[in-house]
Amino acid sequence: METSVARKHIHDLKRMNVI
């Protein structure tokens, strides 16, 4: 179970996807 780690990863993935 992830909390902030997963959220940070998702944020990075979303940002990369946006590019």
N, C-alpha and C. Protein backbone atom coordinates (compact mmCIF):
# COMPACT_ATOMS: atom_id res chain seq x y z
N MET A 1 0.85 -1.21 0.00
CA MET A 1 0.00 0.00 0.00
C MET A 1 0.89 1.26 0.00
N GLU A 2 0.69 2.09 -0.99
CA GLU A 2 1.50 3.32 -1.06
C GLU A 2 0.66 4.53 -0.66
N THR A 3 1.33 5.58 -0.23
CA THR A 3 0.59 6.78 0.18
C THR A 3 1.11 8.00 -0.57
N SER A 4 2.23 8.51 -0.14
CA SER A 4 2.80 9.69 -0.82
C SER A 4 3.70 9.25 -1.97
N VAL A 5 4.35 8.12 -1.82
CA VAL A 5 5.25 7.63 -2.88
C VAL A 5 4.47 7.39 -4.17
N ALA A 6 3.39 6.67 -4.06
CA ALA A 6 2.57 6.38 -5.25
C ALA A 6 2.04 7.69 -5.83
N ARG A 7 1.62 8.58 -4.96
CA ARG A 7 1.04 9.87 -5.44
C ARG A 7 2.12 10.62 -6.22
N LYS A 8 3.33 10.65 -5.67
CA LYS A 8 4.42 11.38 -6.36
C LYS A 8 4.70 10.71 -7.71
N HIS A 9 4.71 9.42 -7.73
CA HIS A 9 4.98 8.70 -8.98
C HIS A 9 3.90 9.01 -10.01
N ILE A 10 2.66 8.98 -9.56
CA ILE A 10 1.54 9.27 -10.47
C ILE A 10 1.66 10.68 -11.01
N HIS A 11 2.03 11.60 -10.14
CA HIS A 11 2.17 13.00 -10.56
C HIS A 11 3.24 13.11 -11.65
N ASP A 12 4.35 12.44 -11.42
CA ASP A 12 5.44 12.49 -12.40
C ASP A 12 4.99 11.84 -13.71
N LEU A 13 4.31 10.73 -13.61
CA LEU A 13 3.85 10.03 -14.82
C LEU A 13 2.86 10.91 -15.58
N LYS A 14 1.96 11.51 -14.85
CA LYS A 14 0.96 12.39 -15.49
C LYS A 14 1.67 13.56 -16.17
N ARG A 15 2.63 14.11 -15.51
CA ARG A 15 3.35 15.28 -16.07
C ARG A 15 4.08 14.84 -17.34
N MET A 16 4.72 13.70 -17.29
CA MET A 16 5.47 13.21 -18.46
C MET A 16 4.49 12.93 -19.60
N ASN A 17 3.32 12.41 -19.24
CA ASN A 17 2.32 12.09 -20.26
C ASN A 17 1.82 13.36 -20.93
N VAL A 18 1.72 14.40 -20.14
CA VAL A 18 1.21 15.67 -20.67
C VAL A 18 2.17 16.23 -21.72
N ILE A 19 3.45 16.05 -21.46
CA ILE A 19 4.46 16.64 -22.35
C ILE A 19 4.28 16.12 -23.78
